[in-house]
Amino acid sequence: MILTAGDYENMLKDGLIQNLNWLEEEFNFLFNSKERNYSQEDRALAHQIIKDITESIHCSEDVRLEELLIDTLKSIKSIYPELF
């Protein structure tokens, strides 16, 4: 099977969308049980995770993915404002 550029782009987008879903799940897993008692290390970890996922989305140059990233970050921020 030969992949075209369009196939590759679709696979990349699907992977990035999965990363956004993972991002929300990861924040819930890591920080939900902390009851807002976040350490400096928790904040640093949250910022590093956000930085890494943001860089991977920005590399795609897809406006829709950036919009999804913004929506995802807003959702996370509404639940964990102390980590931002």
N, C-alpha and C. Protein backbone atom coordinates (compact mmCIF):
# COMPACT_ATOMS: atom_id res chain seq x y z
N MET A 1 0.83 -1.18 0.00
CA MET A 1 0.00 0.00 0.00
C MET A 1 0.88 1.24 0.00
N ILE A 2 0.59 2.14 -0.89
CA ILE A 2 1.36 3.37 -1.01
C ILE A 2 0.57 4.50 -0.36
N LEU A 3 1.24 5.23 0.53
CA LEU A 3 0.60 6.36 1.20
C LEU A 3 0.85 7.63 0.40
N THR A 4 -0.18 8.42 0.27
CA THR A 4 -0.05 9.72 -0.38
C THR A 4 0.22 10.78 0.69
N ALA A 5 0.54 11.97 0.25
CA ALA A 5 0.77 13.08 1.18
C ALA A 5 -0.50 13.35 1.98
N GLY A 6 -1.65 13.23 1.34
CA GLY A 6 -2.93 13.44 2.04
C GLY A 6 -3.17 12.39 3.11
N ASP A 7 -2.81 11.14 2.81
CA ASP A 7 -2.94 10.06 3.79
C ASP A 7 -2.05 10.35 5.01
N TYR A 8 -0.83 10.78 4.73
CA TYR A 8 0.10 11.07 5.81
C TYR A 8 -0.42 12.22 6.68
N GLU A 9 -0.92 13.27 6.05
CA GLU A 9 -1.46 14.41 6.79
C GLU A 9 -2.64 13.98 7.65
N ASN A 10 -3.51 13.15 7.13
CA ASN A 10 -4.66 12.67 7.90
C ASN A 10 -4.20 11.83 9.09
N MET A 11 -3.20 10.99 8.89
CA MET A 11 -2.67 10.19 9.99
C MET A 11 -2.05 11.08 11.05
N LEU A 12 -1.34 12.11 10.62
CA LEU A 12 -0.72 13.04 11.55
C LEU A 12 -1.79 13.78 12.36
N LYS A 13 -2.84 14.25 11.68
CA LYS A 13 -3.93 14.94 12.37
C LYS A 13 -4.61 14.02 13.37
N ASP A 14 -4.87 12.79 12.97
CA ASP A 14 -5.49 11.83 13.89
C ASP A 14 -4.62 11.62 15.13
N GLY A 15 -3.33 11.52 14.92
CA GLY A 15 -2.41 11.35 16.05
C GLY A 15 -2.41 12.54 16.97
N LEU A 16 -2.45 13.73 16.40
CA LEU A 16 -2.46 14.94 17.22
C LEU A 16 -3.78 15.08 17.98
N ILE A 17 -4.88 14.70 17.36
CA ILE A 17 -6.17 14.73 18.05
C ILE A 17 -6.16 13.73 19.21
N GLN A 18 -5.56 12.59 19.01
CA GLN A 18 -5.43 11.61 20.10
C GLN A 18 -4.59 12.19 21.23
N ASN A 19 -3.56 12.97 20.88
CA ASN A 19 -2.73 13.61 21.90
C ASN A 19 -3.55 14.60 22.72
N LEU A 20 -4.48 15.30 22.09
CA LEU A 20 -5.32 16.24 22.82
C LEU A 20 -6.24 15.49 23.79
N ASN A 21 -6.79 14.38 23.34
CA ASN A 21 -7.60 13.56 24.24
C ASN A 21 -6.76 13.03 25.39
N TRP A 22 -5.55 12.60 25.09
CA TRP A 22 -4.64 12.13 26.12
C TRP A 22 -4.33 13.23 27.11
N LEU A 23 -4.17 14.47 26.63
CA LEU A 23 -3.82 15.59 27.49
C LEU A 23 -4.85 15.78 28.60
N GLU A 24 -6.11 15.79 28.24
CA GLU A 24 -7.16 15.94 29.25
C GLU A 24 -7.16 14.77 30.22
N GLU A 25 -7.04 13.57 29.70
CA GLU A 25 -7.02 12.38 30.56
C GLU A 25 -5.81 12.40 31.49
N GLU A 26 -4.68 12.83 30.98
CA GLU A 26 -3.46 12.86 31.78
C GLU A 26 -3.57 13.86 32.93
N PHE A 27 -4.13 15.03 32.65
CA PHE A 27 -4.33 16.02 33.71
C PHE A 27 -5.25 15.46 34.78
N ASN A 28 -6.33 14.81 34.37
CA ASN A 28 -7.24 14.22 35.35
C ASN A 28 -6.53 13.16 36.18
N PHE A 29 -5.75 12.32 35.53
CA PHE A 29 -5.04 11.25 36.23
C PHE A 29 -4.02 11.82 37.22
N LEU A 30 -3.25 12.81 36.77
CA LEU A 30 -2.16 13.33 37.60
C LEU A 30 -2.62 14.26 38.72
N PHE A 31 -3.66 15.05 38.44
CA PHE A 31 -3.95 16.15 39.35
C PHE A 31 -5.32 16.10 40.03
N ASN A 32 -6.20 15.23 39.60
CA ASN A 32 -7.55 15.20 40.16
C ASN A 32 -7.55 14.84 41.64
N SER A 33 -6.70 13.96 42.05
CA SER A 33 -6.70 13.50 43.44
C SER A 33 -5.95 14.43 44.39
N LYS A 34 -5.33 15.45 43.89
CA LYS A 34 -4.50 16.33 44.71
C LYS A 34 -5.31 17.37 45.49
N GLU A 35 -6.58 17.49 45.19
CA GLU A 35 -7.49 18.41 45.87
C GLU A 35 -6.92 19.83 45.93
N ARG A 36 -6.36 20.28 44.84
CA ARG A 36 -5.84 21.64 44.68
C ARG A 36 -4.65 21.96 45.59
N ASN A 37 -4.03 20.94 46.12
CA ASN A 37 -2.80 21.11 46.90
C ASN A 37 -1.62 20.80 46.00
N TYR A 38 -1.38 21.66 45.03
CA TYR A 38 -0.36 21.41 44.02
C TYR A 38 0.99 21.93 44.49
N SER A 39 1.99 21.10 44.32
CA SER A 39 3.36 21.50 44.64
C SER A 39 3.97 22.24 43.46
N GLN A 40 5.14 22.78 43.68
CA GLN A 40 5.86 23.44 42.60
C GLN A 40 6.21 22.44 41.50
N GLU A 41 6.48 21.21 41.89
CA GLU A 41 6.78 20.17 40.91
C GLU A 41 5.54 19.84 40.06
N ASP A 42 4.37 19.85 40.69
CA ASP A 42 3.12 19.63 39.94
C ASP A 42 2.93 20.72 38.89
N ARG A 43 3.16 21.95 39.29
CA ARG A 43 3.01 23.07 38.36
C ARG A 43 4.02 22.98 37.21
N ALA A 44 5.25 22.62 37.56
CA ALA A 44 6.30 22.47 36.53
C ALA A 44 5.94 21.35 35.56
N LEU A 45 5.44 20.24 36.09
CA LEU A 45 5.04 19.13 35.23
C LEU A 45 3.89 19.54 34.32
N ALA A 46 2.91 20.22 34.86
CA ALA A 46 1.77 20.68 34.05
C ALA A 46 2.25 21.59 32.93
N HIS A 47 3.13 22.52 33.25
CA HIS A 47 3.64 23.45 32.23
C HIS A 47 4.44 22.72 31.16
N GLN A 48 5.23 21.72 31.56
CA GLN A 48 6.02 20.97 30.59
C GLN A 48 5.13 20.15 29.66
N ILE A 49 4.10 19.53 30.21
CA ILE A 49 3.17 18.77 29.39
C ILE A 49 2.49 19.68 28.37
N ILE A 50 2.02 20.82 28.84
CA ILE A 50 1.35 21.78 27.95
C ILE A 50 2.31 22.28 26.88
N LYS A 51 3.53 22.59 27.27
CA LYS A 51 4.53 23.07 26.31
C LYS A 51 4.79 22.02 25.23
N ASP A 52 4.97 20.78 25.63
CA ASP A 52 5.28 19.72 24.67
C ASP A 52 4.13 19.49 23.69
N ILE A 53 2.90 19.43 24.20
CA ILE A 53 1.77 19.18 23.31
C ILE A 53 1.52 20.38 22.41
N THR A 54 1.73 21.58 22.94
CA THR A 54 1.54 22.79 22.14
C THR A 54 2.54 22.84 20.99
N GLU A 55 3.77 22.49 21.27
CA GLU A 55 4.79 22.47 20.21
C GLU A 55 4.46 21.46 19.13
N SER A 56 3.93 20.31 19.51
CA SER A 56 3.60 19.30 18.50
C SER A 56 2.43 19.75 17.64
N ILE A 57 1.48 20.47 18.21
CA ILE A 57 0.34 20.98 17.45
C ILE A 57 0.78 22.11 16.52
N HIS A 58 1.60 23.02 17.04
CA HIS A 58 2.04 24.15 16.22
C HIS A 58 2.88 23.70 15.03
N CYS A 59 3.55 22.59 15.15
CA CYS A 59 4.36 22.07 14.03
C CYS A 59 3.48 21.65 12.86
N SER A 60 2.23 21.33 13.13
CA SER A 60 1.36 20.84 12.05
C SER A 60 0.84 21.97 11.17
N GLU A 61 0.85 23.20 11.68
CA GLU A 61 0.35 24.36 10.93
C GLU A 61 -1.10 24.19 10.48
N ASP A 62 -1.89 23.46 11.24
CA ASP A 62 -3.29 23.24 10.94
C ASP A 62 -4.12 24.10 11.89
N VAL A 63 -4.84 25.05 11.34
CA VAL A 63 -5.62 26.00 12.14
C VAL A 63 -6.66 25.27 12.98
N ARG A 64 -7.31 24.28 12.43
CA ARG A 64 -8.35 23.55 13.17
C ARG A 64 -7.75 22.83 14.38
N LEU A 65 -6.58 22.25 14.23
CA LEU A 65 -5.93 21.60 15.37
C LEU A 65 -5.55 22.61 16.44
N GLU A 66 -5.11 23.79 16.02
CA GLU A 66 -4.80 24.83 17.00
C GLU A 66 -6.05 25.26 17.74
N GLU A 67 -7.18 25.34 17.04
CA GLU A 67 -8.44 25.67 17.70
C GLU A 67 -8.82 24.59 18.71
N LEU A 68 -8.64 23.33 18.33
CA LEU A 68 -8.91 22.23 19.25
C LEU A 68 -7.99 22.28 20.47
N LEU A 69 -6.74 22.65 20.25
CA LEU A 69 -5.79 22.80 21.36
C LEU A 69 -6.27 23.88 22.32
N ILE A 70 -6.67 25.01 21.77
CA ILE A 70 -7.15 26.12 22.61
C ILE A 70 -8.37 25.69 23.41
N ASP A 71 -9.30 25.01 22.77
CA ASP A 71 -10.50 24.52 23.47
C ASP A 71 -10.12 23.54 24.58
N THR A 72 -9.19 22.65 24.29
CA THR A 72 -8.75 21.67 25.28
C THR A 72 -8.09 22.36 26.46
N LEU A 73 -7.22 23.33 26.18
CA LEU A 73 -6.55 24.04 27.26
C LEU A 73 -7.53 24.86 28.10
N LYS A 74 -8.53 25.45 27.46
CA LYS A 74 -9.56 26.19 28.21
C LYS A 74 -10.32 25.24 29.14
N SER A 75 -10.63 24.07 28.64
CA SER A 75 -11.34 23.08 29.45
C SER A 75 -10.49 22.66 30.66
N ILE A 76 -9.23 22.39 30.43
CA ILE A 76 -8.34 22.00 31.52
C ILE A 76 -8.18 23.14 32.51
N LYS A 77 -8.02 24.35 31.99
CA LYS A 77 -7.83 25.51 32.85
C LYS A 77 -9.06 25.75 33.73
N SER A 78 -10.24 25.47 33.21
CA SER A 78 -11.44 25.66 34.03
C SER A 78 -11.49 24.68 35.20
N ILE A 79 -10.87 23.53 35.04
CA ILE A 79 -10.85 22.52 36.11
C ILE A 79 -9.63 22.71 37.04
N TYR A 80 -8.51 23.09 36.46
CA TYR A 80 -7.24 23.21 37.21
C TYR A 80 -6.63 24.60 37.04
N PRO A 81 -7.32 25.67 37.43
CA PRO A 81 -6.79 27.01 37.18
C PRO A 81 -5.46 27.29 37.90
N GLU A 82 -5.24 26.63 39.03
CA GLU A 82 -4.01 26.86 39.80
C GLU A 82 -2.76 26.37 39.08
N LEU A 83 -2.94 25.52 38.09
CA LEU A 83 -1.79 24.97 37.36
C LEU A 83 -1.38 25.83 36.18
N PHE A 84 -2.14 26.88 35.92
CA PHE A 84 -1.81 27.75 34.79
C PHE A 84 -1.17 29.03 35.24
